[in-house]
Amino acid sequence: MKVVYSRLARATGLESPNYWQYFGTRLVDLAEIAGGATVLDIGTGDGSVLIPAAKKAGVHGLGIGVDINFGWLKHALPEIQKRSLRNTALAQMDATNLGFMYGLFDRVLCGFVGWNYCFDFVRLKFTSPDTILAEISRVLRAGGRVGISSWAKQEDLDWLGEQFRRYLPEYVADQKMGSAITVYSKENAKGLERVLREGGFQNIGIATETAEFV
């Protein structure tokens, strides 16, 4: 999957009318990041979550962005430098094996990371152990907060699935999907709430918003 994912890595520019920036900013707002906080952004991409999170944390805080693909980090770096954010760091890392010590972060943010690898959102049951949330729990401080964003509904999913089968057959094979395409839209609030609750989290809040992008 890493090889296929690297094809998507490109500089979008955070000043462009990109919906990822909208989602990133909203996730940061809902996470209520205080000045001086230490924040981990999993699946950093081009920095749509990391950059607003680092701004919220301020000069006395720290924002660390990790991504499994180095190509994305190369695009995030100039966006960080453009804003002179000196309280940030980037690292290539697998979310299932975070190279950080226990209880390091006040906030852990995951923008569209995806939990369908271990949870069936139709039957609302686990299909395999949740290794990502286990790592998040390990590196999160007591009383810390995790923020997760995901699609609730997307249009043109049949068309999207066909493009995956046509242009990215190795991704389909790697994910063992066969003819079925797993998409974020299968994730839902009830399923994510159960994932968090069974991961030991409490005081879970769900925010659902609607926005239109063309």
C-alpha atoms as a PDB file:
ATOM      1  CA  MET A   1       0.000   0.000   0.000  1.00  0.00           C
ATOM      2  CA  LYS A   2       2.910   2.333   0.697  1.00  0.00           C
ATOM      3  CA  VAL A   3       3.958   2.256  -2.974  1.00  0.00           C
ATOM      4  CA  VAL A   4       0.483   3.068  -4.236  1.00  0.00           C
ATOM      5  CA  TYR A   5      -0.066   5.735  -1.593  1.00  0.00           C
ATOM      6  CA  SER A   6       3.131   7.497  -2.669  1.00  0.00           C
ATOM      7  CA  ARG A   7       1.537   8.183  -6.050  1.00  0.00           C
ATOM      8  CA  LEU A   8      -0.953  10.454  -4.365  1.00  0.00           C
ATOM      9  CA  ALA A   9       1.654  12.544  -2.565  1.00  0.00           C
ATOM     10  CA  ARG A  10       1.679  15.961  -4.127  1.00  0.00           C
ATOM     11  CA  ALA A  11       1.930  19.554  -3.028  1.00  0.00           C
ATOM     12  CA  THR A  12      -1.635  20.847  -2.792  1.00  0.00           C
ATOM     13  CA  GLY A  13      -0.733  24.099  -1.062  1.00  0.00           C
ATOM     14  CA  LEU A  14      -2.626  25.044   2.057  1.00  0.00           C
ATOM     15  CA  GLU A  15      -3.727  28.310   0.453  1.00  0.00           C
ATOM     16  CA  SER A  16      -5.654  26.446  -2.252  1.00  0.00           C
ATOM     17  CA  PRO A  17      -9.428  25.851  -1.950  1.00  0.00           C
ATOM     18  CA  ASN A  18      -8.793  22.342  -0.660  1.00  0.00           C
ATOM     19  CA  TYR A  19     -11.416  20.640   1.473  1.00  0.00           C
ATOM     20  CA  TRP A  20      -8.723  18.857   3.479  1.00  0.00           C
ATOM     21  CA  GLN A  21      -7.835  22.217   5.034  1.00  0.00           C
ATOM     22  CA  TYR A  22     -11.458  22.679   6.088  1.00  0.00           C
ATOM     23  CA  PHE A  23     -11.563  19.255   7.753  1.00  0.00           C
ATOM     24  CA  GLY A  24      -8.176  19.796   9.403  1.00  0.00           C
ATOM     25  CA  THR A  25      -9.134  23.129  10.893  1.00  0.00           C
ATOM     26  CA  ARG A  26     -12.451  21.801  12.215  1.00  0.00           C
ATOM     27  CA  LEU A  27     -10.771  18.788  13.824  1.00  0.00           C
ATOM     28  CA  VAL A  28      -8.282  21.087  15.556  1.00  0.00           C
ATOM     29  CA  ASP A  29     -11.073  23.385  16.757  1.00  0.00           C
ATOM     30  CA  LEU A  30     -13.016  20.479  18.254  1.00  0.00           C
ATOM     31  CA  ALA A  31      -9.882  19.095  19.938  1.00  0.00           C
ATOM     32  CA  GLU A  32      -9.626  22.277  22.056  1.00  0.00           C
ATOM     33  CA  ILE A  33      -5.838  22.518  22.000  1.00  0.00           C
ATOM     34  CA  ALA A  34      -4.454  24.780  24.710  1.00  0.00           C
ATOM     35  CA  GLY A  35      -1.322  26.869  24.443  1.00  0.00           C
ATOM     36  CA  GLY A  36       1.740  24.847  25.435  1.00  0.00           C
ATOM     37  CA  ALA A  37       0.137  21.508  24.482  1.00  0.00           C
ATOM     38  CA  THR A  38       2.040  18.635  22.916  1.00  0.00           C
ATOM     39  CA  VAL A  39       0.146  17.355  19.878  1.00  0.00           C
ATOM     40  CA  LEU A  40       0.637  14.294  17.674  1.00  0.00           C
ATOM     41  CA  ASP A  41      -0.920  14.293  14.192  1.00  0.00           C
ATOM     42  CA  ILE A  42      -1.181  10.804  12.669  1.00  0.00           C
ATOM     43  CA  GLY A  43      -1.384  10.678   8.881  1.00  0.00           C
ATOM     44  CA  THR A  44      -0.045  14.207   8.448  1.00  0.00           C
ATOM     45  CA  GLY A  45      -0.232  14.357   4.659  1.00  0.00           C
ATOM     46  CA  ASP A  46       0.559  17.908   3.587  1.00  0.00           C
ATOM     47  CA  GLY A  47      -0.083  19.319   7.065  1.00  0.00           C
ATOM     48  CA  SER A  48      -3.790  20.200   6.958  1.00  0.00           C
ATOM     49  CA  VAL A  49      -4.179  19.137  10.616  1.00  0.00           C
ATOM     50  CA  LEU A  50      -0.634  19.625  11.889  1.00  0.00           C
ATOM     51  CA  ILE A  51      -0.287  23.287  10.898  1.00  0.00           C
ATOM     52  CA  PRO A  52      -3.436  24.613  12.606  1.00  0.00           C
ATOM     53  CA  ALA A  53      -2.688  22.355  15.595  1.00  0.00           C
ATOM     54  CA  ALA A  54       0.831  23.787  15.931  1.00  0.00           C
ATOM     55  CA  LYS A  55      -0.569  27.313  15.736  1.00  0.00           C
ATOM     56  CA  LYS A  56      -2.982  26.520  18.576  1.00  0.00           C
ATOM     57  CA  ALA A  57      -0.209  24.966  20.687  1.00  0.00           C
ATOM     58  CA  GLY A  58       1.835  28.137  20.278  1.00  0.00           C
ATOM     59  CA  VAL A  59       5.524  28.802  20.784  1.00  0.00           C
ATOM     60  CA  HIS A  60       5.593  26.913  24.077  1.00  0.00           C
ATOM     61  CA  GLY A  61       3.835  23.880  22.611  1.00  0.00           C
ATOM     62  CA  LEU A  62       4.879  21.199  20.132  1.00  0.00           C
ATOM     63  CA  GLY A  63       3.246  19.641  17.082  1.00  0.00           C
ATOM     64  CA  ILE A  64       4.642  16.391  15.676  1.00  0.00           C
ATOM     65  CA  GLY A  65       3.346  14.996  12.408  1.00  0.00           C
ATOM     66  CA  VAL A  66       3.888  11.391  11.343  1.00  0.00           C
ATOM     67  CA  ASP A  67       3.035   9.680   8.081  1.00  0.00           C
ATOM     68  CA  ILE A  68       3.815   6.236   6.706  1.00  0.00           C
ATOM     69  CA  ASN A  69       4.841   7.806   3.405  1.00  0.00           C
ATOM     70  CA  PHE A  70       7.857  10.110   3.173  1.00  0.00           C
ATOM     71  CA  GLY A  71       6.512  11.729  -0.001  1.00  0.00           C
ATOM     72  CA  TRP A  72       3.793  13.498   1.948  1.00  0.00           C
ATOM     73  CA  LEU A  73       6.247  14.789   4.539  1.00  0.00           C
ATOM     74  CA  LYS A  74       8.349  16.382   1.794  1.00  0.00           C
ATOM     75  CA  HIS A  75       5.293  18.440   0.834  1.00  0.00           C
ATOM     76  CA  ALA A  76       4.377  19.290   4.429  1.00  0.00           C
ATOM     77  CA  LEU A  77       7.828  20.693   5.225  1.00  0.00           C
ATOM     78  CA  PRO A  78       7.735  23.755   2.911  1.00  0.00           C
ATOM     79  CA  GLU A  79       4.227  24.594   4.144  1.00  0.00           C
ATOM     80  CA  ILE A  80       5.568  24.580   7.713  1.00  0.00           C
ATOM     81  CA  GLN A  81       8.613  26.653   6.750  1.00  0.00           C
ATOM     82  CA  LYS A  82       6.431  29.156   4.884  1.00  0.00           C
ATOM     83  CA  ARG A  83       4.636  29.882   8.163  1.00  0.00           C
ATOM     84  CA  SER A  84       7.846  29.958  10.247  1.00  0.00           C
ATOM     85  CA  LEU A  85       6.458  27.346  12.631  1.00  0.00           C
ATOM     86  CA  ARG A  86       9.410  26.432  14.827  1.00  0.00           C
ATOM     87  CA  ASN A  87       7.374  24.269  17.195  1.00  0.00           C
ATOM     88  CA  THR A  88       6.863  21.412  14.719  1.00  0.00           C
ATOM     89  CA  ALA A  89       8.608  18.189  13.758  1.00  0.00           C
ATOM     90  CA  LEU A  90       7.984  15.522  11.103  1.00  0.00           C
ATOM     91  CA  ALA A  91       8.765  11.805  11.120  1.00  0.00           C
ATOM     92  CA  GLN A  92       8.095   8.874   8.817  1.00  0.00           C
ATOM     93  CA  MET A  93       6.324   6.362  11.011  1.00  0.00           C
ATOM     94  CA  ASP A  94       3.725   3.595  11.017  1.00  0.00           C
ATOM     95  CA  ALA A  95       0.738   4.393  13.232  1.00  0.00           C
ATOM     96  CA  THR A  96       0.691   0.798  14.476  1.00  0.00           C
ATOM     97  CA  ASN A  97       4.202   1.185  15.901  1.00  0.00           C
ATOM     98  CA  LEU A  98       4.717   4.749  17.131  1.00  0.00           C
ATOM     99  CA  GLY A  99       8.278   5.443  18.213  1.00  0.00           C
ATOM    100  CA  PHE A 100       7.368   7.605  21.203  1.00  0.00           C
ATOM    101  CA  MET A 101       7.517   7.003  24.914  1.00  0.00           C
ATOM    102  CA  TYR A 102       4.444   6.485  27.075  1.00  0.00           C
ATOM    103  CA  GLY A 103       2.216   9.426  27.937  1.00  0.00           C
ATOM    104  CA  LEU A 104       4.005  12.037  25.831  1.00  0.00           C
ATOM    105  CA  PHE A 105       1.066  13.833  24.154  1.00  0.00           C
ATOM    106  CA  ASP A 106      -1.814  15.970  25.391  1.00  0.00           C
ATOM    107  CA  ARG A 107      -3.677  15.513  22.108  1.00  0.00           C
ATOM    108  CA  VAL A 108      -3.529  12.888  19.355  1.00  0.00           C
ATOM    109  CA  LEU A 109      -5.331  13.769  16.119  1.00  0.00           C
ATOM    110  CA  CYS A 110      -6.220  11.397  13.272  1.00  0.00           C
ATOM    111  CA  GLY A 111      -7.706  12.961  10.154  1.00  0.00           C
ATOM    112  CA  PHE A 112      -9.160  10.281   7.870  1.00  0.00           C
ATOM    113  CA  VAL A 113      -6.773   7.554   8.987  1.00  0.00           C
ATOM    114  CA  GLY A 114      -9.448   4.875   8.672  1.00  0.00           C
ATOM    115  CA  TRP A 115     -10.518   2.102  11.036  1.00  0.00           C
ATOM    116  CA  ASN A 116     -12.023  -0.297   8.506  1.00  0.00           C
ATOM    117  CA  TYR A 117      -8.845  -2.406   8.670  1.00  0.00           C
ATOM    118  CA  CYS A 118     -10.000  -3.793  12.012  1.00  0.00           C
ATOM    119  CA  PHE A 119     -13.687  -2.901  12.418  1.00  0.00           C
ATOM    120  CA  ASP A 120     -16.782  -3.793  10.413  1.00  0.00           C
ATOM    121  CA  PHE A 121     -18.920  -0.638  10.408  1.00  0.00           C
ATOM    122  CA  VAL A 122     -21.930  -2.481   8.997  1.00  0.00           C
ATOM    123  CA  ARG A 123     -22.060  -5.203  11.635  1.00  0.00           C
ATOM    124  CA  LEU A 124     -20.472  -2.949  14.278  1.00  0.00           C
ATOM    125  CA  LYS A 125     -17.909  -5.519  15.382  1.00  0.00           C
ATOM    126  CA  PHE A 126     -14.142  -5.912  15.365  1.00  0.00           C
ATOM    127  CA  THR A 127     -12.589  -8.150  12.722  1.00  0.00           C
ATOM    128  CA  SER A 128      -9.042  -7.900  14.129  1.00  0.00           C
ATOM    129  CA  PRO A 129      -7.219  -6.169  17.007  1.00  0.00           C
ATOM    130  CA  ASP A 130      -7.129  -2.365  16.881  1.00  0.00           C
ATOM    131  CA  THR A 131      -3.377  -1.749  16.841  1.00  0.00           C
ATOM    132  CA  ILE A 132      -3.617   1.971  16.000  1.00  0.00           C
ATOM    133  CA  LEU A 133      -5.833   2.951  18.921  1.00  0.00           C
ATOM    134  CA  ALA A 134      -3.731   0.800  21.236  1.00  0.00           C
ATOM    135  CA  GLU A 135      -0.677   2.857  20.258  1.00  0.00           C
ATOM    136  CA  ILE A 136      -2.603   6.108  20.621  1.00  0.00           C
ATOM    137  CA  SER A 137      -3.631   5.095  24.144  1.00  0.00           C
ATOM    138  CA  ARG A 138      -0.019   4.304  24.979  1.00  0.00           C
ATOM    139  CA  VAL A 139       1.406   7.681  23.927  1.00  0.00           C
ATOM    140  CA  LEU A 140      -1.509   9.794  25.246  1.00  0.00           C
ATOM    141  CA  ARG A 141      -1.169  11.405  28.655  1.00  0.00           C
ATOM    142  CA  ALA A 142      -3.705  10.659  31.376  1.00  0.00           C
ATOM    143  CA  GLY A 143      -6.589  13.032  30.838  1.00  0.00           C
ATOM    144  CA  GLY A 144      -5.512  13.667  27.238  1.00  0.00           C
ATOM    145  CA  ARG A 145      -7.823  13.715  24.244  1.00  0.00           C
ATOM    146  CA  VAL A 146      -7.898  11.960  20.881  1.00  0.00           C
ATOM    147  CA  GLY A 147      -9.672  13.507  17.898  1.00  0.00           C
ATOM    148  CA  ILE A 148     -10.764  11.448  14.881  1.00  0.00           C
ATOM    149  CA  SER A 149     -12.379  12.709  11.684  1.00  0.00           C
ATOM    150  CA  SER A 150     -13.966  10.570   8.989  1.00  0.00           C
ATOM    151  CA  TRP A 151     -16.506  10.678   6.205  1.00  0.00           C
ATOM    152  CA  ALA A 152     -20.116  10.179   7.194  1.00  0.00           C
ATOM    153  CA  LYS A 153     -21.349  10.153   3.607  1.00  0.00           C
ATOM    154  CA  GLN A 154     -19.804  10.602   0.163  1.00  0.00           C
ATOM    155  CA  GLU A 155     -21.401  10.828  -3.244  1.00  0.00           C
ATOM    156  CA  ASP A 156     -20.373   8.924  -6.382  1.00  0.00           C
ATOM    157  CA  LEU A 157     -18.988   5.948  -4.433  1.00  0.00           C
ATOM    158  CA  ASP A 158     -19.695   3.446  -7.192  1.00  0.00           C
ATOM    159  CA  TRP A 159     -17.738   5.622  -9.619  1.00  0.00           C
ATOM    160  CA  LEU A 160     -14.901   5.991  -7.116  1.00  0.00           C
ATOM    161  CA  GLY A 161     -14.702   2.237  -6.594  1.00  0.00           C
ATOM    162  CA  GLU A 162     -14.520   1.652 -10.331  1.00  0.00           C
ATOM    163  CA  GLN A 163     -11.565   4.052 -10.618  1.00  0.00           C
ATOM    164  CA  PHE A 164      -9.718   2.117  -7.916  1.00  0.00           C
ATOM    165  CA  ARG A 165     -10.288  -1.166  -9.729  1.00  0.00           C
ATOM    166  CA  ARG A 166      -9.285   0.328 -13.062  1.00  0.00           C
ATOM    167  CA  TYR A 167      -6.249   2.420 -12.152  1.00  0.00           C
ATOM    168  CA  LEU A 168      -5.013   1.046  -8.820  1.00  0.00           C
ATOM    169  CA  PRO A 169      -5.491  -2.733  -9.067  1.00  0.00           C
ATOM    170  CA  GLU A 170      -2.448  -3.360  -6.873  1.00  0.00           C
ATOM    171  CA  TYR A 171      -4.080  -1.382  -4.040  1.00  0.00           C
ATOM    172  CA  VAL A 172      -7.213  -3.492  -4.319  1.00  0.00           C
ATOM    173  CA  ALA A 173      -5.116  -6.662  -4.267  1.00  0.00           C
ATOM    174  CA  ASP A 174      -2.984  -5.413  -1.368  1.00  0.00           C
ATOM    175  CA  GLN A 175      -6.082  -4.689   0.711  1.00  0.00           C
ATOM    176  CA  LYS A 176      -7.552  -8.115  -0.209  1.00  0.00           C
ATOM    177  CA  MET A 177     -10.716  -6.398  -1.370  1.00  0.00           C
ATOM    178  CA  GLY A 178     -11.449  -8.526  -4.380  1.00  0.00           C
ATOM    179  CA  SER A 179     -14.241  -6.786  -6.277  1.00  0.00           C
ATOM    180  CA  ALA A 180     -15.388  -4.832  -3.219  1.00  0.00           C
ATOM    181  CA  ILE A 181     -13.912  -1.422  -2.489  1.00  0.00           C
ATOM    182  CA  THR A 182     -13.688  -0.401   1.150  1.00  0.00           C
ATOM    183  CA  VAL A 183     -14.252   3.322   1.520  1.00  0.00           C
ATOM    184  CA  TYR A 184     -14.290   5.739   4.431  1.00  0.00           C
ATOM    185  CA  SER A 185     -18.007   6.350   3.969  1.00  0.00           C
ATOM    186  CA  LYS A 186     -18.689   2.976   5.574  1.00  0.00           C
ATOM    187  CA  GLU A 187     -17.361   4.436   8.793  1.00  0.00           C
ATOM    188  CA  ASN A 188     -20.045   5.966  10.972  1.00  0.00           C
ATOM    189  CA  ALA A 189     -20.424   7.728  14.285  1.00  0.00           C
ATOM    190  CA  LYS A 190     -21.893   4.703  16.085  1.00  0.00           C
ATOM    191  CA  GLY A 191     -19.014   2.492  14.962  1.00  0.00           C
ATOM    192  CA  LEU A 192     -16.298   4.989  15.852  1.00  0.00           C
ATOM    193  CA  GLU A 193     -17.904   5.519  19.244  1.00  0.00           C
ATOM    194  CA  ARG A 194     -17.724   1.777  19.889  1.00  0.00           C
ATOM    195  CA  VAL A 195     -14.099   1.663  18.707  1.00  0.00           C
ATOM    196  CA  LEU A 196     -13.193   4.401  21.176  1.00  0.00           C
ATOM    197  CA  ARG A 197     -15.261   2.975  24.025  1.00  0.00           C
ATOM    198  CA  GLU A 198     -13.796  -0.504  23.679  1.00  0.00           C
ATOM    199  CA  GLY A 199     -10.374   1.137  23.466  1.00  0.00           C
ATOM    200  CA  GLY A 200     -10.935   2.404  27.001  1.00  0.00           C
ATOM    201  CA  PHE A 201     -11.876   6.014  26.220  1.00  0.00           C
ATOM    202  CA  GLN A 202     -14.536   7.905  28.171  1.00  0.00           C
ATOM    203  CA  ASN A 203     -16.482  11.167  27.756  1.00  0.00           C
ATOM    204  CA  ILE A 204     -16.808  10.528  24.015  1.00  0.00           C
ATOM    205  CA  GLY A 205     -18.324  13.364  22.001  1.00  0.00           C
ATOM    206  CA  ILE A 206     -19.630  13.044  18.429  1.00  0.00           C
ATOM    207  CA  ALA A 207     -19.917  16.036  16.095  1.00  0.00           C
ATOM    208  CA  THR A 208     -21.554  15.593  12.692  1.00  0.00           C
ATOM    209  CA  GLU A 209     -21.358  18.376  10.120  1.00  0.00           C
ATOM    210  CA  THR A 210     -22.454  18.803   6.525  1.00  0.00           C
ATOM    211  CA  ALA A 211     -20.435  20.715   3.919  1.00  0.00           C
ATOM    212  CA  GLU A 212     -20.490  20.777   0.134  1.00  0.00           C
ATOM    213  CA  PHE A 213     -17.353  20.812  -2.012  1.00  0.00           C
ATOM    214  CA  VAL A 214     -16.993  20.763  -5.765  1.00  0.00           C
END
